[in-house]
Amino acid sequence: MGENVLIPIFGILLPILFIVAFFTFLSIIFWVSYRKREREAFYKSEILRRITEASGESAKAAIELLKEDDRLKRISAREGLKIGGVVCIGVGIGLVIFLWTLIGPKVALCGLIPGFIGVAMLIYVFLMAAPIE
């Protein structure tokens, strides 16, 4: 009789425990990333404050450093869009093949949606985005 009582308790408590652990883990990840962004913003504001106080070549070098940092961020964002576009195209092609085989050609056209999203991302990156100096 004691064993029969434990099974429903574990059947209810175990998923609740996993859900609580998952959301606790997510909140810690978001908190750490927020703190990192906050520190980066603080250091950047300190650099800008020191630039305004300094003059001459050191100020020019610091401004060039900030410009280079901004350029690297834009390059990284553009590379992320390229990867995302290629992945979306791959998912779309795979979905078309899978649905065509499983269900038929009419439903398989749903796979074109992520494919066209990927094509749109690549068109933006290569044709529409502002050039990076």
N, C-alpha and C. Protein backbone atom coordinates (compact mmCIF):
# COMPACT_ATOMS: atom_id res chain seq x y z
N MET A 1 0.82 -1.19 0.00
CA MET A 1 0.00 0.00 0.00
C MET A 1 0.87 1.26 0.00
N GLY A 2 1.99 1.25 0.67
CA GLY A 2 2.87 2.40 0.72
C GLY A 2 3.50 2.71 -0.62
N GLU A 3 3.77 1.68 -1.42
CA GLU A 3 4.38 1.89 -2.73
C GLU A 3 3.40 2.57 -3.69
N ASN A 4 2.13 2.24 -3.58
CA ASN A 4 1.14 2.83 -4.48
C ASN A 4 0.94 4.31 -4.22
N VAL A 5 1.21 4.77 -3.02
CA VAL A 5 1.05 6.18 -2.68
C VAL A 5 2.22 6.98 -3.23
N LEU A 6 3.41 6.41 -3.24
CA LEU A 6 4.60 7.13 -3.67
C LEU A 6 4.62 7.40 -5.17
N ILE A 7 4.07 6.52 -5.97
CA ILE A 7 4.11 6.69 -7.43
C ILE A 7 3.36 7.95 -7.86
N PRO A 8 2.13 8.20 -7.41
CA PRO A 8 1.48 9.46 -7.81
C PRO A 8 2.19 10.70 -7.27
N ILE A 9 2.77 10.58 -6.08
CA ILE A 9 3.47 11.74 -5.51
C ILE A 9 4.68 12.08 -6.37
N PHE A 10 5.48 11.08 -6.75
CA PHE A 10 6.63 11.33 -7.61
C PHE A 10 6.18 11.74 -9.01
N GLY A 11 5.05 11.22 -9.47
CA GLY A 11 4.52 11.60 -10.77
C GLY A 11 4.11 13.05 -10.83
N ILE A 12 3.76 13.64 -9.70
CA ILE A 12 3.37 15.04 -9.65
C ILE A 12 4.55 15.92 -9.26
N LEU A 13 5.31 15.51 -8.26
CA LEU A 13 6.39 16.34 -7.74
C LEU A 13 7.60 16.42 -8.67
N LEU A 14 7.90 15.34 -9.36
CA LEU A 14 9.07 15.34 -10.22
C LEU A 14 8.95 16.35 -11.37
N PRO A 15 7.83 16.40 -12.11
CA PRO A 15 7.72 17.44 -13.14
C PRO A 15 7.74 18.85 -12.56
N ILE A 16 7.13 19.04 -11.39
CA ILE A 16 7.15 20.35 -10.75
C ILE A 16 8.57 20.74 -10.39
N LEU A 17 9.34 19.80 -9.87
CA LEU A 17 10.73 20.04 -9.53
C LEU A 17 11.54 20.41 -10.77
N PHE A 18 11.34 19.70 -11.87
CA PHE A 18 12.05 20.02 -13.10
C PHE A 18 11.67 21.40 -13.63
N ILE A 19 10.41 21.75 -13.55
CA ILE A 19 9.97 23.07 -14.03
C ILE A 19 10.58 24.18 -13.18
N VAL A 20 10.57 24.02 -11.88
CA VAL A 20 11.15 25.03 -10.99
C VAL A 20 12.65 25.15 -11.24
N ALA A 21 13.34 24.03 -11.40
CA ALA A 21 14.78 24.06 -11.66
C ALA A 21 15.08 24.72 -12.99
N PHE A 22 14.27 24.44 -14.01
CA PHE A 22 14.49 25.03 -15.33
C PHE A 22 14.34 26.54 -15.29
N PHE A 23 13.27 27.04 -14.68
CA PHE A 23 13.05 28.48 -14.64
C PHE A 23 14.04 29.18 -13.70
N THR A 24 14.49 28.49 -12.67
CA THR A 24 15.54 29.06 -11.83
C THR A 24 16.83 29.21 -12.62
N PHE A 25 17.16 28.20 -13.40
CA PHE A 25 18.34 28.25 -14.24
C PHE A 25 18.23 29.38 -15.26
N LEU A 26 17.05 29.53 -15.89
CA LEU A 26 16.86 30.62 -16.85
C LEU A 26 17.01 31.99 -16.19
N SER A 27 16.46 32.14 -15.00
CA SER A 27 16.57 33.45 -14.34
C SER A 27 18.01 33.77 -13.98
N ILE A 28 18.78 32.78 -13.59
CA ILE A 28 20.19 33.01 -13.28
C ILE A 28 20.95 33.41 -14.55
N ILE A 29 20.67 32.74 -15.66
CA ILE A 29 21.33 33.08 -16.92
C ILE A 29 21.02 34.52 -17.32
N PHE A 30 19.75 34.92 -17.23
CA PHE A 30 19.38 36.29 -17.60
C PHE A 30 19.99 37.31 -16.64
N TRP A 31 20.06 36.98 -15.39
CA TRP A 31 20.65 37.90 -14.41
C TRP A 31 22.13 38.10 -14.70
N VAL A 32 22.85 37.02 -14.99
CA VAL A 32 24.28 37.11 -15.28
C VAL A 32 24.52 37.92 -16.56
N SER A 33 23.71 37.68 -17.59
CA SER A 33 23.90 38.43 -18.84
C SER A 33 23.56 39.91 -18.65
N TYR A 34 22.56 40.20 -17.82
CA TYR A 34 22.23 41.59 -17.54
C TYR A 34 23.38 42.28 -16.81
N ARG A 35 23.97 41.60 -15.85
CA ARG A 35 25.09 42.18 -15.12
C ARG A 35 26.28 42.42 -16.04
N LYS A 36 26.52 41.52 -16.96
CA LYS A 36 27.62 41.68 -17.92
C LYS A 36 27.39 42.90 -18.79
N ARG A 37 26.18 43.06 -19.32
CA ARG A 37 25.87 44.23 -20.14
C ARG A 37 25.98 45.51 -19.33
N GLU A 38 25.58 45.46 -18.06
CA GLU A 38 25.67 46.63 -17.20
C GLU A 38 27.13 47.03 -16.98
N ARG A 39 28.00 46.06 -16.74
CA ARG A 39 29.42 46.34 -16.57
C ARG A 39 30.02 46.92 -17.85
N GLU A 40 29.66 46.34 -19.00
CA GLU A 40 30.19 46.85 -20.26
C GLU A 40 29.75 48.28 -20.50
N ALA A 41 28.51 48.60 -20.19
CA ALA A 41 28.02 49.97 -20.35
C ALA A 41 28.74 50.92 -19.39
N PHE A 42 29.02 50.46 -18.18
CA PHE A 42 29.73 51.29 -17.22
C PHE A 42 31.14 51.58 -17.71
N TYR A 43 31.84 50.55 -18.18
CA TYR A 43 33.21 50.75 -18.66
C TYR A 43 33.23 51.66 -19.89
N LYS A 44 32.24 51.51 -20.75
CA LYS A 44 32.18 52.37 -21.93
C LYS A 44 31.93 53.82 -21.52
N SER A 45 31.07 54.04 -20.54
CA SER A 45 30.82 55.41 -20.09
C SER A 45 32.06 56.00 -19.42
N GLU A 46 32.81 55.16 -18.72
CA GLU A 46 34.07 55.64 -18.12
C GLU A 46 35.07 56.04 -19.20
N ILE A 47 35.13 55.27 -20.26
CA ILE A 47 36.03 55.62 -21.36
C ILE A 47 35.62 56.94 -21.98
N LEU A 48 34.32 57.11 -22.21
CA LEU A 48 33.86 58.37 -22.78
C LEU A 48 34.13 59.55 -21.86
N ARG A 49 33.98 59.35 -20.57
CA ARG A 49 34.27 60.42 -19.62
C ARG A 49 35.73 60.81 -19.67
N ARG A 50 36.60 59.82 -19.73
CA ARG A 50 38.04 60.10 -19.79
C ARG A 50 38.43 60.74 -21.11
N ILE A 51 37.72 60.39 -22.18
CA ILE A 51 37.99 61.01 -23.47
C ILE A 51 37.67 62.49 -23.42
N THR A 52 36.54 62.83 -22.80
CA THR A 52 36.16 64.24 -22.72
C THR A 52 37.14 65.03 -21.86
N GLU A 53 37.76 64.37 -20.88
CA GLU A 53 38.72 65.05 -20.03
C GLU A 53 40.09 65.15 -20.69
N ALA A 54 40.43 64.20 -21.53
CA ALA A 54 41.74 64.19 -22.16
C ALA A 54 41.71 65.00 -23.44
N SER A 55 42.89 65.25 -23.96
CA SER A 55 42.98 65.95 -25.23
C SER A 55 44.20 65.40 -25.98
N GLY A 56 44.24 65.67 -27.26
CA GLY A 56 45.39 65.27 -28.05
C GLY A 56 45.25 63.89 -28.64
N GLU A 57 46.37 63.22 -28.77
CA GLU A 57 46.42 61.92 -29.44
C GLU A 57 45.71 60.81 -28.67
N SER A 58 45.72 60.86 -27.36
CA SER A 58 45.06 59.81 -26.59
C SER A 58 43.55 59.84 -26.81
N ALA A 59 42.98 61.02 -26.95
CA ALA A 59 41.55 61.12 -27.21
C ALA A 59 41.22 60.58 -28.60
N LYS A 60 42.06 60.89 -29.58
CA LYS A 60 41.84 60.38 -30.94
C LYS A 60 41.95 58.86 -30.96
N ALA A 61 42.91 58.32 -30.23
CA ALA A 61 43.07 56.86 -30.18
C ALA A 61 41.87 56.21 -29.51
N ALA A 62 41.36 56.81 -28.45
CA ALA A 62 40.20 56.25 -27.76
C ALA A 62 38.96 56.30 -28.65
N ILE A 63 38.79 57.38 -29.40
CA ILE A 63 37.65 57.48 -30.31
C ILE A 63 37.77 56.43 -31.41
N GLU A 64 38.96 56.23 -31.92
CA GLU A 64 39.16 55.18 -32.94
C GLU A 64 38.87 53.80 -32.36
N LEU A 65 39.22 53.59 -31.11
CA LEU A 65 38.93 52.31 -30.45
C LEU A 65 37.43 52.09 -30.35
N LEU A 66 36.68 53.12 -29.99
CA LEU A 66 35.22 52.99 -29.91
C LEU A 66 34.61 52.75 -31.28
N LYS A 67 35.13 53.41 -32.31
CA LYS A 67 34.63 53.19 -33.67
C LYS A 67 34.90 51.75 -34.11
N GLU A 68 36.08 51.25 -33.79
CA GLU A 68 36.42 49.87 -34.17
C GLU A 68 35.52 48.87 -33.43
N ASP A 69 35.23 49.15 -32.17
CA ASP A 69 34.33 48.28 -31.41
C ASP A 69 32.94 48.26 -32.04
N ASP A 70 32.45 49.41 -32.45
CA ASP A 70 31.14 49.49 -33.10
C ASP A 70 31.15 48.75 -34.44
N ARG A 71 32.23 48.88 -35.19
CA ARG A 71 32.35 48.19 -36.48
C ARG A 71 32.35 46.68 -36.29
N LEU A 72 33.06 46.20 -35.27
CA LEU A 72 33.10 44.76 -35.01
C LEU A 72 31.73 44.23 -34.59
N LYS A 73 30.97 45.02 -33.85
CA LYS A 73 29.61 44.61 -33.47
C LYS A 73 28.71 44.50 -34.70
N ARG A 74 28.84 45.47 -35.62
CA ARG A 74 28.03 45.41 -36.83
C ARG A 74 28.41 44.22 -37.70
N ILE A 75 29.70 43.92 -37.79
CA ILE A 75 30.15 42.75 -38.55
C ILE A 75 29.60 41.48 -37.93
N SER A 76 29.65 41.39 -36.61
CA SER A 76 29.14 40.21 -35.92
C SER A 76 27.63 40.03 -36.15
N ALA A 77 26.88 41.13 -36.11
CA ALA A 77 25.44 41.04 -36.35
C ALA A 77 25.16 40.60 -37.78
N ARG A 78 25.94 41.12 -38.73
CA ARG A 78 25.74 40.73 -40.12
C ARG A 78 26.07 39.26 -40.34
N GLU A 79 27.13 38.78 -39.71
CA GLU A 79 27.48 37.36 -39.84
C GLU A 79 26.40 36.47 -39.21
N GLY A 80 25.81 36.93 -38.12
CA GLY A 80 24.70 36.20 -37.51
C GLY A 80 23.50 36.11 -38.44
N LEU A 81 23.22 37.20 -39.16
CA LEU A 81 22.12 37.17 -40.13
C LEU A 81 22.42 36.21 -41.28
N LYS A 82 23.68 36.17 -41.70
CA LYS A 82 24.05 35.24 -42.78
C LYS A 82 23.84 33.79 -42.34
N ILE A 83 24.31 33.47 -41.14
CA ILE A 83 24.16 32.11 -40.63
C ILE A 83 22.68 31.78 -40.45
N GLY A 84 21.91 32.71 -39.90
CA GLY A 84 20.48 32.49 -39.72
C GLY A 84 19.76 32.28 -41.04
N GLY A 85 20.14 33.03 -42.08
CA GLY A 85 19.53 32.87 -43.38
C GLY A 85 19.82 31.51 -43.99
N VAL A 86 21.06 31.08 -43.89
CA VAL A 86 21.42 29.77 -44.43
C VAL A 86 20.72 28.65 -43.67
N VAL A 87 20.62 28.79 -42.36
CA VAL A 87 19.93 27.77 -41.56
C VAL A 87 18.45 27.72 -41.92
N CYS A 88 17.82 28.89 -42.08
CA CYS A 88 16.40 28.91 -42.45
C CYS A 88 16.17 28.28 -43.82
N ILE A 89 17.06 28.53 -44.76
CA ILE A 89 16.93 27.91 -46.08
C ILE A 89 17.06 26.40 -45.96
N GLY A 90 18.03 25.94 -45.17
CA GLY A 90 18.20 24.50 -44.96
C GLY A 90 16.99 23.86 -44.30
N VAL A 91 16.43 24.53 -43.31
CA VAL A 91 15.23 24.01 -42.64
C VAL A 91 14.07 23.96 -43.63
N GLY A 92 13.92 24.99 -44.44
CA GLY A 92 12.85 25.02 -45.42
C GLY A 92 12.97 23.89 -46.43
N ILE A 93 14.17 23.66 -46.94
CA ILE A 93 14.38 22.57 -47.91
C ILE A 93 14.09 21.23 -47.25
N GLY A 94 14.61 21.04 -46.05
CA GLY A 94 14.35 19.78 -45.35
C GLY A 94 12.87 19.56 -45.06
N LEU A 95 12.17 20.63 -44.70
CA LEU A 95 10.74 20.53 -44.41
C LEU A 95 9.94 20.20 -45.67
N VAL A 96 10.33 20.80 -46.79
CA VAL A 96 9.65 20.49 -48.06
C VAL A 96 9.83 19.02 -48.40
N ILE A 97 11.06 18.53 -48.31
CA ILE A 97 11.33 17.12 -48.63
C ILE A 97 10.56 16.20 -47.68
N PHE A 98 10.61 16.51 -46.40
CA PHE A 98 9.93 15.66 -45.41
C PHE A 98 8.42 15.64 -45.62
N LEU A 99 7.81 16.81 -45.77
CA LEU A 99 6.36 16.86 -45.93
C LEU A 99 5.91 16.30 -47.28
N TRP A 100 6.71 16.49 -48.32
CA TRP A 100 6.38 15.93 -49.63
C TRP A 100 6.33 14.41 -49.55
N THR A 101 7.32 13.83 -48.87
CA THR A 101 7.38 12.38 -48.73
C THR A 101 6.26 11.87 -47.83
N LEU A 102 5.99 12.57 -46.75
CA LEU A 102 5.04 12.10 -45.75
C LEU A 102 3.59 12.34 -46.15
N ILE A 103 3.28 13.54 -46.62
CA ILE A 103 1.88 13.92 -46.83
C ILE A 103 1.56 14.16 -48.30
N GLY A 104 2.31 14.99 -48.97
CA GLY A 104 2.03 15.28 -50.37
C GLY A 104 2.51 16.67 -50.75
N PRO A 105 2.41 17.00 -52.04
CA PRO A 105 2.99 18.25 -52.52
C PRO A 105 2.28 19.52 -52.02
N LYS A 106 0.98 19.45 -51.77
CA LYS A 106 0.28 20.68 -51.34
C LYS A 106 0.73 21.12 -49.96
N VAL A 107 0.85 20.19 -49.06
CA VAL A 107 1.27 20.53 -47.70
C VAL A 107 2.76 20.83 -47.66
N ALA A 108 3.52 20.22 -48.56
CA ALA A 108 4.97 20.41 -48.56
C ALA A 108 5.35 21.85 -48.84
N LEU A 109 4.47 22.60 -49.47
CA LEU A 109 4.78 23.99 -49.76
C LEU A 109 4.90 24.84 -48.49
N CYS A 110 4.45 24.33 -47.37
CA CYS A 110 4.62 25.04 -46.09
C CYS A 110 6.10 25.19 -45.75
N GLY A 111 6.92 24.29 -46.26
CA GLY A 111 8.35 24.39 -46.01
C GLY A 111 9.00 25.57 -46.71
N LEU A 112 8.29 26.15 -47.67
CA LEU A 112 8.84 27.32 -48.34
C LEU A 112 8.85 28.56 -47.45
N ILE A 113 8.02 28.56 -46.41
CA ILE A 113 7.95 29.73 -45.52
C ILE A 113 9.29 29.99 -44.84
N PRO A 114 9.89 29.01 -44.12
CA PRO A 114 11.20 29.30 -43.54
C PRO A 114 12.27 29.50 -44.62
N GLY A 115 12.12 28.85 -45.76
CA GLY A 115 13.08 29.05 -46.84
C GLY A 115 13.07 30.48 -47.34
N PHE A 116 11.87 31.03 -47.54
CA PHE A 116 11.78 32.42 -48.00
C PHE A 116 12.24 33.41 -46.93
N ILE A 117 12.04 33.08 -45.68
CA ILE A 117 12.56 33.93 -44.60
C ILE A 117 14.09 33.97 -44.67
N GLY A 118 14.71 32.81 -44.89
CA GLY A 118 16.16 32.76 -45.03
C GLY A 118 16.65 33.54 -46.24
N VAL A 119 15.93 33.42 -47.36
CA VAL A 119 16.29 34.18 -48.55
C VAL A 119 16.18 35.68 -48.27
N ALA A 120 15.13 36.09 -47.58
CA ALA A 120 14.96 37.51 -47.24
C ALA A 120 16.10 38.00 -46.35
N MET A 121 16.53 37.18 -45.41
CA MET A 121 17.65 37.57 -44.55
C MET A 121 18.92 37.76 -45.37
N LEU A 122 19.18 36.85 -46.29
CA LEU A 122 20.38 36.96 -47.11
C LEU A 122 20.30 38.14 -48.08
N ILE A 123 19.11 38.41 -48.61
CA ILE A 123 18.95 39.58 -49.48
C ILE A 123 19.23 40.85 -48.70
N TYR A 124 18.74 40.92 -47.48
CA TYR A 124 19.02 42.10 -46.65
C TYR A 124 20.51 42.26 -46.41
N VAL A 125 21.18 41.16 -46.05
CA VAL A 125 22.60 41.25 -45.71
C VAL A 125 23.43 41.69 -46.92
N PHE A 126 23.16 41.09 -48.08
CA PHE A 126 24.03 41.33 -49.22
C PHE A 126 23.62 42.52 -50.08
N LEU A 127 22.35 42.90 -50.08
CA LEU A 127 21.91 43.95 -50.98
C LEU A 127 21.41 45.21 -50.29
N MET A 128 20.77 45.08 -49.13
CA MET A 128 20.08 46.23 -48.56
C MET A 128 20.79 46.86 -47.37
N ALA A 129 21.59 46.12 -46.65
CA ALA A 129 22.22 46.65 -45.44
C ALA A 129 23.29 47.69 -45.82
N ALA A 130 23.45 48.66 -44.95
CA ALA A 130 24.46 49.68 -45.17
C ALA A 130 25.85 49.06 -45.13
N PRO A 131 26.74 49.51 -46.00
CA PRO A 131 28.09 48.92 -46.02
C PRO A 131 28.86 49.24 -44.74
N ILE A 132 29.74 48.33 -44.40
CA ILE A 132 30.59 48.52 -43.21
C ILE A 132 31.92 49.05 -43.69
N GLU A 133 32.32 50.18 -43.15
CA GLU A 133 33.57 50.80 -43.57
C GLU A 133 34.76 50.00 -43.15
